[in-house]
Amino acid sequence: MANHKATKKDVRQSRKRNERNRYYGKTTRNAIRDLRAITEKAAAEKELSEVASMIDKLAKRNVIHKNKAANLKSKLAKKISTLA
């Protein structure tokens, strides 16, 4: 690692961003897992909007690709529509 002040600051910032992005990603994956476990359609539809918002935020922050976000939301909506 270089000894320039700017480089050291960049390392600190990237470490902080990495930890934050890992937290948001893990939280969203847990929310997706919990949504898939719901068996009642009304509760699942209510939860879907919150999870979709979390997924959109990950795509906006470039934690995941925008197409992956679209695929996740599509699969979740499809699963919820099959619930009785």
PDB file of N, CA and C in Angstrom:
ATOM      1  N   MET A   1       0.843  -1.175   0.000  1.00  0.00           N
ATOM      2  CA  MET A   1       0.000   0.000   0.000  1.00  0.00           C
ATOM      3  C   MET A   1       0.890   1.239   0.000  1.00  0.00           C
ATOM      4  N   ALA A   2       0.467   2.225  -0.758  1.00  0.00           N
ATOM      5  CA  ALA A   2       1.231   3.462  -0.818  1.00  0.00           C
ATOM      6  C   ALA A   2       1.068   4.249   0.477  1.00  0.00           C
ATOM      7  N   ASN A   3       2.015   5.142   0.724  1.00  0.00           N
ATOM      8  CA  ASN A   3       1.993   5.917   1.957  1.00  0.00           C
ATOM      9  C   ASN A   3       1.407   7.306   1.772  1.00  0.00           C
ATOM     10  N   HIS A   4       0.698   7.527   0.678  1.00  0.00           N
ATOM     11  CA  HIS A   4       0.080   8.830   0.460  1.00  0.00           C
ATOM     12  C   HIS A   4      -1.166   8.959   1.328  1.00  0.00           C
ATOM     13  N   LYS A   5      -1.390  10.168   1.815  1.00  0.00           N
ATOM     14  CA  LYS A   5      -2.562  10.394   2.667  1.00  0.00           C
ATOM     15  C   LYS A   5      -3.851  10.073   1.927  1.00  0.00           C
ATOM     16  N   ALA A   6      -3.927  10.450   0.664  1.00  0.00           N
ATOM     17  CA  ALA A   6      -5.144  10.223  -0.116  1.00  0.00           C
ATOM     18  C   ALA A   6      -5.406   8.722  -0.295  1.00  0.00           C
ATOM     19  N   THR A   7      -4.336   7.957  -0.478  1.00  0.00           N
ATOM     20  CA  THR A   7      -4.491   6.513  -0.652  1.00  0.00           C
ATOM     21  C   THR A   7      -4.974   5.860   0.638  1.00  0.00           C
ATOM     22  N   LYS A   8      -4.437   6.309   1.757  1.00  0.00           N
ATOM     23  CA  LYS A   8      -4.873   5.757   3.038  1.00  0.00           C
ATOM     24  C   LYS A   8      -6.343   6.078   3.294  1.00  0.00           C
ATOM     25  N   LYS A   9      -6.736   7.301   2.941  1.00  0.00           N
ATOM     26  CA  LYS A   9      -8.132   7.690   3.111  1.00  0.00           C
ATOM     27  C   LYS A   9      -9.030   6.848   2.206  1.00  0.00           C
ATOM     28  N   ASP A  10      -8.594   6.612   0.982  1.00  0.00           N
ATOM     29  CA  ASP A  10      -9.372   5.812   0.040  1.00  0.00           C
ATOM     30  C   ASP A  10      -9.567   4.388   0.563  1.00  0.00           C
ATOM     31  N   VAL A  11      -8.531   3.841   1.179  1.00  0.00           N
ATOM     32  CA  VAL A  11      -8.625   2.497   1.754  1.00  0.00           C
ATOM     33  C   VAL A  11      -9.643   2.481   2.893  1.00  0.00           C
ATOM     34  N   ARG A  12      -9.590   3.510   3.734  1.00  0.00           N
ATOM     35  CA  ARG A  12     -10.566   3.593   4.836  1.00  0.00           C
ATOM     36  C   ARG A  12     -11.991   3.697   4.305  1.00  0.00           C
ATOM     37  N   GLN A  13     -12.177   4.528   3.303  1.00  0.00           N
ATOM     38  CA  GLN A  13     -13.515   4.725   2.747  1.00  0.00           C
ATOM     39  C   GLN A  13     -14.038   3.452   2.086  1.00  0.00           C
ATOM     40  N   SER A  14     -13.185   2.775   1.343  1.00  0.00           N
ATOM     41  CA  SER A  14     -13.640   1.575   0.646  1.00  0.00           C
ATOM     42  C   SER A  14     -13.957   0.462   1.640  1.00  0.00           C
ATOM     43  N   ARG A  15     -13.205   0.386   2.727  1.00  0.00           N
ATOM     44  CA  ARG A  15     -13.486  -0.614   3.762  1.00  0.00           C
ATOM     45  C   ARG A  15     -14.844  -0.347   4.406  1.00  0.00           C
ATOM     46  N   LYS A  16     -15.095   0.940   4.684  1.00  0.00           N
ATOM     47  CA  LYS A  16     -16.362   1.325   5.302  1.00  0.00           C
ATOM     48  C   LYS A  16     -17.536   1.037   4.357  1.00  0.00           C
ATOM     49  N   ARG A  17     -17.371   1.373   3.074  1.00  0.00           N
ATOM     50  CA  ARG A  17     -18.417   1.105   2.084  1.00  0.00           C
ATOM     51  C   ARG A  17     -18.667  -0.386   1.944  1.00  0.00           C
ATOM     52  N   ASN A  18     -17.578  -1.171   1.944  1.00  0.00           N
ATOM     53  CA  ASN A  18     -17.703  -2.613   1.801  1.00  0.00           C
ATOM     54  C   ASN A  18     -18.510  -3.211   2.944  1.00  0.00           C
ATOM     55  N   GLU A  19     -18.225  -2.790   4.165  1.00  0.00           N
ATOM     56  CA  GLU A  19     -18.972  -3.296   5.321  1.00  0.00           C
ATOM     57  C   GLU A  19     -20.438  -2.902   5.243  1.00  0.00           C
ATOM     58  N   ARG A  20     -20.696  -1.667   4.837  1.00  0.00           N
ATOM     59  CA  ARG A  20     -22.077  -1.191   4.727  1.00  0.00           C
ATOM     60  C   ARG A  20     -22.829  -1.975   3.655  1.00  0.00           C
ATOM     61  N   ASN A  21     -22.192  -2.173   2.503  1.00  0.00           N
ATOM     62  CA  ASN A  21     -22.835  -2.912   1.414  1.00  0.00           C
ATOM     63  C   ASN A  21     -23.086  -4.361   1.794  1.00  0.00           C
ATOM     64  N   ARG A  22     -22.151  -4.973   2.529  1.00  0.00           N
ATOM     65  CA  ARG A  22     -22.352  -6.353   2.981  1.00  0.00           C
ATOM     66  C   ARG A  22     -23.535  -6.433   3.931  1.00  0.00           C
ATOM     67  N   TYR A  23     -23.686  -5.437   4.798  1.00  0.00           N
ATOM     68  CA  TYR A  23     -24.804  -5.415   5.736  1.00  0.00           C
ATOM     69  C   TYR A  23     -26.130  -5.300   4.979  1.00  0.00           C
ATOM     70  N   TYR A  24     -26.210  -4.338   4.048  1.00  0.00           N
ATOM     71  CA  TYR A  24     -27.442  -4.156   3.289  1.00  0.00           C
ATOM     72  C   TYR A  24     -27.772  -5.405   2.473  1.00  0.00           C
ATOM     73  N   GLY A  25     -26.754  -6.011   1.863  1.00  0.00           N
ATOM     74  CA  GLY A  25     -26.984  -7.218   1.061  1.00  0.00           C
ATOM     75  C   GLY A  25     -27.492  -8.366   1.901  1.00  0.00           C
ATOM     76  N   LYS A  26     -26.887  -8.569   3.054  1.00  0.00           N
ATOM     77  CA  LYS A  26     -27.288  -9.673   3.928  1.00  0.00           C
ATOM     78  C   LYS A  26     -28.693  -9.440   4.476  1.00  0.00           C
ATOM     79  N   THR A  27     -28.990  -8.207   4.861  1.00  0.00           N
ATOM     80  CA  THR A  27     -30.316  -7.878   5.373  1.00  0.00           C
ATOM     81  C   THR A  27     -31.385  -8.141   4.310  1.00  0.00           C
ATOM     82  N   THR A  28     -31.092  -7.765   3.084  1.00  0.00           N
ATOM     83  CA  THR A  28     -32.042  -7.981   1.996  1.00  0.00           C
ATOM     84  C   THR A  28     -32.216  -9.463   1.714  1.00  0.00           C
ATOM     85  N   ARG A  29     -31.126 -10.225   1.715  1.00  0.00           N
ATOM     86  CA  ARG A  29     -31.247 -11.673   1.481  1.00  0.00           C
ATOM     87  C   ARG A  29     -32.083 -12.333   2.563  1.00  0.00           C
ATOM     88  N   ASN A  30     -31.927 -11.894   3.809  1.00  0.00           N
ATOM     89  CA  ASN A  30     -32.740 -12.436   4.897  1.00  0.00           C
ATOM     90  C   ASN A  30     -34.213 -12.079   4.704  1.00  0.00           C
ATOM     91  N   ALA A  31     -34.491 -10.864   4.252  1.00  0.00           N
ATOM     92  CA  ALA A  31     -35.867 -10.448   4.014  1.00  0.00           C
ATOM     93  C   ALA A  31     -36.495 -11.261   2.886  1.00  0.00           C
ATOM     94  N   ILE A  32     -35.708 -11.558   1.850  1.00  0.00           N
ATOM     95  CA  ILE A  32     -36.193 -12.380   0.739  1.00  0.00           C
ATOM     96  C   ILE A  32     -36.503 -13.788   1.235  1.00  0.00           C
ATOM     97  N   ARG A  33     -35.624 -14.325   2.062  1.00  0.00           N
ATOM     98  CA  ARG A  33     -35.840 -15.664   2.621  1.00  0.00           C
ATOM     99  C   ARG A  33     -37.123 -15.700   3.452  1.00  0.00           C
ATOM    100  N   ASP A  34     -37.321 -14.680   4.271  1.00  0.00           N
ATOM    101  CA  ASP A  34     -38.520 -14.621   5.105  1.00  0.00           C
ATOM    102  C   ASP A  34     -39.781 -14.476   4.255  1.00  0.00           C
ATOM    103  N   LEU A  35     -39.687 -13.693   3.172  1.00  0.00           N
ATOM    104  CA  LEU A  35     -40.834 -13.516   2.280  1.00  0.00           C
ATOM    105  C   LEU A  35     -41.204 -14.831   1.611  1.00  0.00           C
ATOM    106  N   ARG A  36     -40.217 -15.589   1.187  1.00  0.00           N
ATOM    107  CA  ARG A  36     -40.492 -16.888   0.547  1.00  0.00           C
ATOM    108  C   ARG A  36     -41.148 -17.873   1.509  1.00  0.00           C
ATOM    109  N   ALA A  37     -40.922 -17.693   2.809  1.00  0.00           N
ATOM    110  CA  ALA A  37     -41.483 -18.608   3.802  1.00  0.00           C
ATOM    111  C   ALA A  37     -42.941 -18.289   4.131  1.00  0.00           C
ATOM    112  N   ILE A  38     -43.417 -17.094   3.770  1.00  0.00           N
ATOM    113  CA  ILE A  38     -44.798 -16.707   4.083  1.00  0.00           C
ATOM    114  C   ILE A  38     -45.760 -17.508   3.206  1.00  0.00           C
ATOM    115  N   THR A  39     -46.833 -18.013   3.818  1.00  0.00           N
ATOM    116  CA  THR A  39     -47.807 -18.828   3.069  1.00  0.00           C
ATOM    117  C   THR A  39     -49.128 -18.100   2.836  1.00  0.00           C
ATOM    118  N   GLU A  40     -49.376 -16.991   3.516  1.00  0.00           N
ATOM    119  CA  GLU A  40     -50.613 -16.236   3.330  1.00  0.00           C
ATOM    120  C   GLU A  40     -50.399 -15.151   2.285  1.00  0.00           C
ATOM    121  N   LYS A  41     -51.309 -15.096   1.312  1.00  0.00           N
ATOM    122  CA  LYS A  41     -51.143 -14.181   0.192  1.00  0.00           C
ATOM    123  C   LYS A  41     -51.187 -12.709   0.622  1.00  0.00           C
ATOM    124  N   ALA A  42     -52.104 -12.353   1.501  1.00  0.00           N
ATOM    125  CA  ALA A  42     -52.237 -10.942   1.919  1.00  0.00           C
ATOM    126  C   ALA A  42     -50.978 -10.451   2.622  1.00  0.00           C
ATOM    127  N   ALA A  43     -50.457 -11.268   3.521  1.00  0.00           N
ATOM    128  CA  ALA A  43     -49.244 -10.886   4.241  1.00  0.00           C
ATOM    129  C   ALA A  43     -48.049 -10.817   3.291  1.00  0.00           C
ATOM    130  N   ALA A  44     -48.012 -11.742   2.351  1.00  0.00           N
ATOM    131  CA  ALA A  44     -46.894 -11.779   1.401  1.00  0.00           C
ATOM    132  C   ALA A  44     -46.912 -10.555   0.490  1.00  0.00           C
ATOM    133  N   GLU A  45     -48.107 -10.145   0.053  1.00  0.00           N
ATOM    134  CA  GLU A  45     -48.198  -8.974  -0.824  1.00  0.00           C
ATOM    135  C   GLU A  45     -47.759  -7.710  -0.085  1.00  0.00           C
ATOM    136  N   LYS A  46     -48.114  -7.613   1.188  1.00  0.00           N
ATOM    137  CA  LYS A  46     -47.704  -6.455   1.981  1.00  0.00           C
ATOM    138  C   LYS A  46     -46.183  -6.424   2.131  1.00  0.00           C
ATOM    139  N   GLU A  47     -45.606  -7.583   2.383  1.00  0.00           N
ATOM    140  CA  GLU A  47     -44.159  -7.685   2.582  1.00  0.00           C
ATOM    141  C   GLU A  47     -43.398  -7.479   1.270  1.00  0.00           C
ATOM    142  N   LEU A  48     -44.015  -7.851   0.142  1.00  0.00           N
ATOM    143  CA  LEU A  48     -43.339  -7.754  -1.154  1.00  0.00           C
ATOM    144  C   LEU A  48     -42.924  -6.326  -1.479  1.00  0.00           C
ATOM    145  N   SER A  49     -43.781  -5.363  -1.171  1.00  0.00           N
ATOM    146  CA  SER A  49     -43.432  -3.985  -1.504  1.00  0.00           C
ATOM    147  C   SER A  49     -42.205  -3.519  -0.726  1.00  0.00           C
ATOM    148  N   GLU A  50     -42.092  -3.941   0.528  1.00  0.00           N
ATOM    149  CA  GLU A  50     -40.933  -3.557   1.332  1.00  0.00           C
ATOM    150  C   GLU A  50     -39.661  -4.229   0.813  1.00  0.00           C
ATOM    151  N   VAL A  51     -39.764  -5.506   0.473  1.00  0.00           N
ATOM    152  CA  VAL A  51     -38.595  -6.240  -0.020  1.00  0.00           C
ATOM    153  C   VAL A  51     -38.180  -5.706  -1.390  1.00  0.00           C
ATOM    154  N   ALA A  52     -39.148  -5.395  -2.230  1.00  0.00           N
ATOM    155  CA  ALA A  52     -38.837  -4.851  -3.557  1.00  0.00           C
ATOM    156  C   ALA A  52     -38.107  -3.518  -3.416  1.00  0.00           C
ATOM    157  N   SER A  53     -38.499  -2.729  -2.436  1.00  0.00           N
ATOM    158  CA  SER A  53     -37.824  -1.462  -2.187  1.00  0.00           C
ATOM    159  C   SER A  53     -36.378  -1.697  -1.762  1.00  0.00           C
ATOM    160  N   MET A  54     -36.162  -2.686  -0.907  1.00  0.00           N
ATOM    161  CA  MET A  54     -34.798  -3.013  -0.475  1.00  0.00           C
ATOM    162  C   MET A  54     -33.945  -3.453  -1.660  1.00  0.00           C
ATOM    163  N   ILE A  55     -34.529  -4.268  -2.544  1.00  0.00           N
ATOM    164  CA  ILE A  55     -33.807  -4.755  -3.718  1.00  0.00           C
ATOM    165  C   ILE A  55     -33.457  -3.591  -4.638  1.00  0.00           C
ATOM    166  N   ASP A  56     -34.410  -2.672  -4.833  1.00  0.00           N
ATOM    167  CA  ASP A  56     -34.147  -1.503  -5.679  1.00  0.00           C
ATOM    168  C   ASP A  56     -33.015  -0.648  -5.120  1.00  0.00           C
ATOM    169  N   LYS A  57     -32.965  -0.512  -3.803  1.00  0.00           N
ATOM    170  CA  LYS A  57     -31.896   0.279  -3.190  1.00  0.00           C
ATOM    171  C   LYS A  57     -30.534  -0.377  -3.409  1.00  0.00           C
ATOM    172  N   LEU A  58     -30.485  -1.715  -3.359  1.00  0.00           N
ATOM    173  CA  LEU A  58     -29.222  -2.403  -3.627  1.00  0.00           C
ATOM    174  C   LEU A  58     -28.772  -2.147  -5.060  1.00  0.00           C
ATOM    175  N   ALA A  59     -29.716  -2.189  -5.987  1.00  0.00           N
ATOM    176  CA  ALA A  59     -29.363  -1.944  -7.393  1.00  0.00           C
ATOM    177  C   ALA A  59     -28.914  -0.504  -7.587  1.00  0.00           C
ATOM    178  N   LYS A  60     -29.568   0.432  -6.900  1.00  0.00           N
ATOM    179  CA  LYS A  60     -29.205   1.847  -7.029  1.00  0.00           C
ATOM    180  C   LYS A  60     -27.794   2.097  -6.513  1.00  0.00           C
ATOM    181  N   ARG A  61     -27.415   1.371  -5.440  1.00  0.00           N
ATOM    182  CA  ARG A  61     -26.081   1.525  -4.862  1.00  0.00           C
ATOM    183  C   ARG A  61     -25.033   0.681  -5.575  1.00  0.00           C
ATOM    184  N   ASN A  62     -25.418  -0.023  -6.623  1.00  0.00           N
ATOM    185  CA  ASN A  62     -24.522  -0.905  -7.387  1.00  0.00           C
ATOM    186  C   ASN A  62     -23.971  -2.053  -6.552  1.00  0.00           C
ATOM    187  N   VAL A  63     -24.739  -2.490  -5.539  1.00  0.00           N
ATOM    188  CA  VAL A  63     -24.349  -3.676  -4.784  1.00  0.00           C
ATOM    189  C   VAL A  63     -24.689  -4.902  -5.616  1.00  0.00           C
ATOM    190  N   ILE A  64     -25.851  -4.862  -6.300  1.00  0.00           N
ATOM    191  CA  ILE A  64     -26.221  -5.910  -7.252  1.00  0.00           C
ATOM    192  C   ILE A  64     -26.543  -5.239  -8.581  1.00  0.00           C
ATOM    193  N   HIS A  65     -26.517  -6.009  -9.640  1.00  0.00           N
ATOM    194  CA  HIS A  65     -26.802  -5.492 -10.971  1.00  0.00           C
ATOM    195  C   HIS A  65     -28.291  -5.218 -11.108  1.00  0.00           C
ATOM    196  N   LYS A  66     -28.644  -4.243 -11.932  1.00  0.00           N
ATOM    197  CA  LYS A  66     -30.059  -3.882 -12.078  1.00  0.00           C
ATOM    198  C   LYS A  66     -30.878  -5.024 -12.663  1.00  0.00           C
ATOM    199  N   ASN A  67     -30.286  -5.840 -13.532  1.00  0.00           N
ATOM    200  CA  ASN A  67     -31.029  -6.973 -14.086  1.00  0.00           C
ATOM    201  C   ASN A  67     -31.259  -8.048 -13.036  1.00  0.00           C
ATOM    202  N   LYS A  68     -30.301  -8.244 -12.135  1.00  0.00           N
ATOM    203  CA  LYS A  68     -30.480  -9.206 -11.050  1.00  0.00           C
ATOM    204  C   LYS A  68     -31.610  -8.745 -10.139  1.00  0.00           C
ATOM    205  N   ALA A  69     -31.672  -7.441  -9.887  1.00  0.00           N
ATOM    206  CA  ALA A  69     -32.750  -6.894  -9.062  1.00  0.00           C
ATOM    207  C   ALA A  69     -34.100  -7.150  -9.727  1.00  0.00           C
ATOM    208  N   ALA A  70     -34.167  -6.920 -11.024  1.00  0.00           N
ATOM    209  CA  ALA A  70     -35.424  -7.146 -11.747  1.00  0.00           C
ATOM    210  C   ALA A  70     -35.808  -8.623 -11.711  1.00  0.00           C
ATOM    211  N   ASN A  71     -34.830  -9.505 -11.872  1.00  0.00           N
ATOM    212  CA  ASN A  71     -35.115 -10.940 -11.836  1.00  0.00           C
ATOM    213  C   ASN A  71     -35.605 -11.374 -10.465  1.00  0.00           C
ATOM    214  N   LEU A  72     -34.981 -10.869  -9.409  1.00  0.00           N
ATOM    215  CA  LEU A  72     -35.410 -11.217  -8.049  1.00  0.00           C
ATOM    216  C   LEU A  72     -36.846 -10.774  -7.798  1.00  0.00           C
ATOM    217  N   LYS A  73     -37.148  -9.532  -8.160  1.00  0.00           N
ATOM    218  CA  LYS A  73     -38.499  -9.010  -7.931  1.00  0.00           C
ATOM    219  C   LYS A  73     -39.527  -9.792  -8.747  1.00  0.00           C
ATOM    220  N   SER A  74     -39.173 -10.141  -9.973  1.00  0.00           N
ATOM    221  CA  SER A  74     -40.085 -10.892 -10.827  1.00  0.00           C
ATOM    222  C   SER A  74     -40.376 -12.270 -10.251  1.00  0.00           C
ATOM    223  N   LYS A  75     -39.332 -12.959  -9.799  1.00  0.00           N
ATOM    224  CA  LYS A  75     -39.520 -14.294  -9.232  1.00  0.00           C
ATOM    225  C   LYS A  75     -40.346 -14.249  -7.955  1.00  0.00           C
ATOM    226  N   LEU A  76     -40.121 -13.225  -7.122  1.00  0.00           N
ATOM    227  CA  LEU A  76     -40.895 -13.100  -5.889  1.00  0.00           C
ATOM    228  C   LEU A  76     -42.367 -12.818  -6.199  1.00  0.00           C
ATOM    229  N   ALA A  77     -42.629 -11.933  -7.164  1.00  0.00           N
ATOM    230  CA  ALA A  77     -44.001 -11.611  -7.530  1.00  0.00           C
ATOM    231  C   ALA A  77     -44.706 -12.834  -8.100  1.00  0.00           C
ATOM    232  N   LYS A  78     -43.979 -13.598  -8.897  1.00  0.00           N
ATOM    233  CA  LYS A  78     -44.542 -14.807  -9.491  1.00  0.00           C
ATOM    234  C   LYS A  78     -44.899 -15.832  -8.408  1.00  0.00           C
ATOM    235  N   LYS A  79     -44.011 -15.976  -7.420  1.00  0.00           N
ATOM    236  CA  LYS A  79     -44.273 -16.918  -6.335  1.00  0.00           C
ATOM    237  C   LYS A  79     -45.482 -16.487  -5.517  1.00  0.00           C
ATOM    238  N   ILE A  80     -45.595 -15.201  -5.245  1.00  0.00           N
ATOM    239  CA  ILE A  80     -46.710 -14.703  -4.446  1.00  0.00           C
ATOM    240  C   ILE A  80     -48.029 -14.842  -5.188  1.00  0.00           C
ATOM    241  N   SER A  81     -48.003 -14.666  -6.498  1.00  0.00           N
ATOM    242  CA  SER A  81     -49.245 -14.786  -7.263  1.00  0.00           C
ATOM    243  C   SER A  81     -49.787 -16.218  -7.274  1.00  0.00           C
ATOM    244  N   THR A  82     -48.926 -17.201  -7.006  1.00  0.00           N
ATOM    245  CA  THR A  82     -49.390 -18.592  -6.979  1.00  0.00           C
ATOM    246  C   THR A  82     -49.972 -18.994  -5.628  1.00  0.00           C
ATOM    247  N   LEU A  83     -49.776 -18.144  -4.599  1.00  0.00           N
ATOM    248  CA  LEU A  83     -50.309 -18.478  -3.274  1.00  0.00           C
ATOM    249  C   LEU A  83     -51.842 -18.411  -3.286  1.00  0.00           C
ATOM    250  N   ALA A  84     -52.422 -19.275  -2.471  1.00  0.00           N
ATOM    251  CA  ALA A  84     -53.901 -19.322  -2.414  1.00  0.00           C
ATOM    252  C   ALA A  84     -54.450 -18.362  -1.393  1.00  0.00           C
TER     253      ALA A  84
END
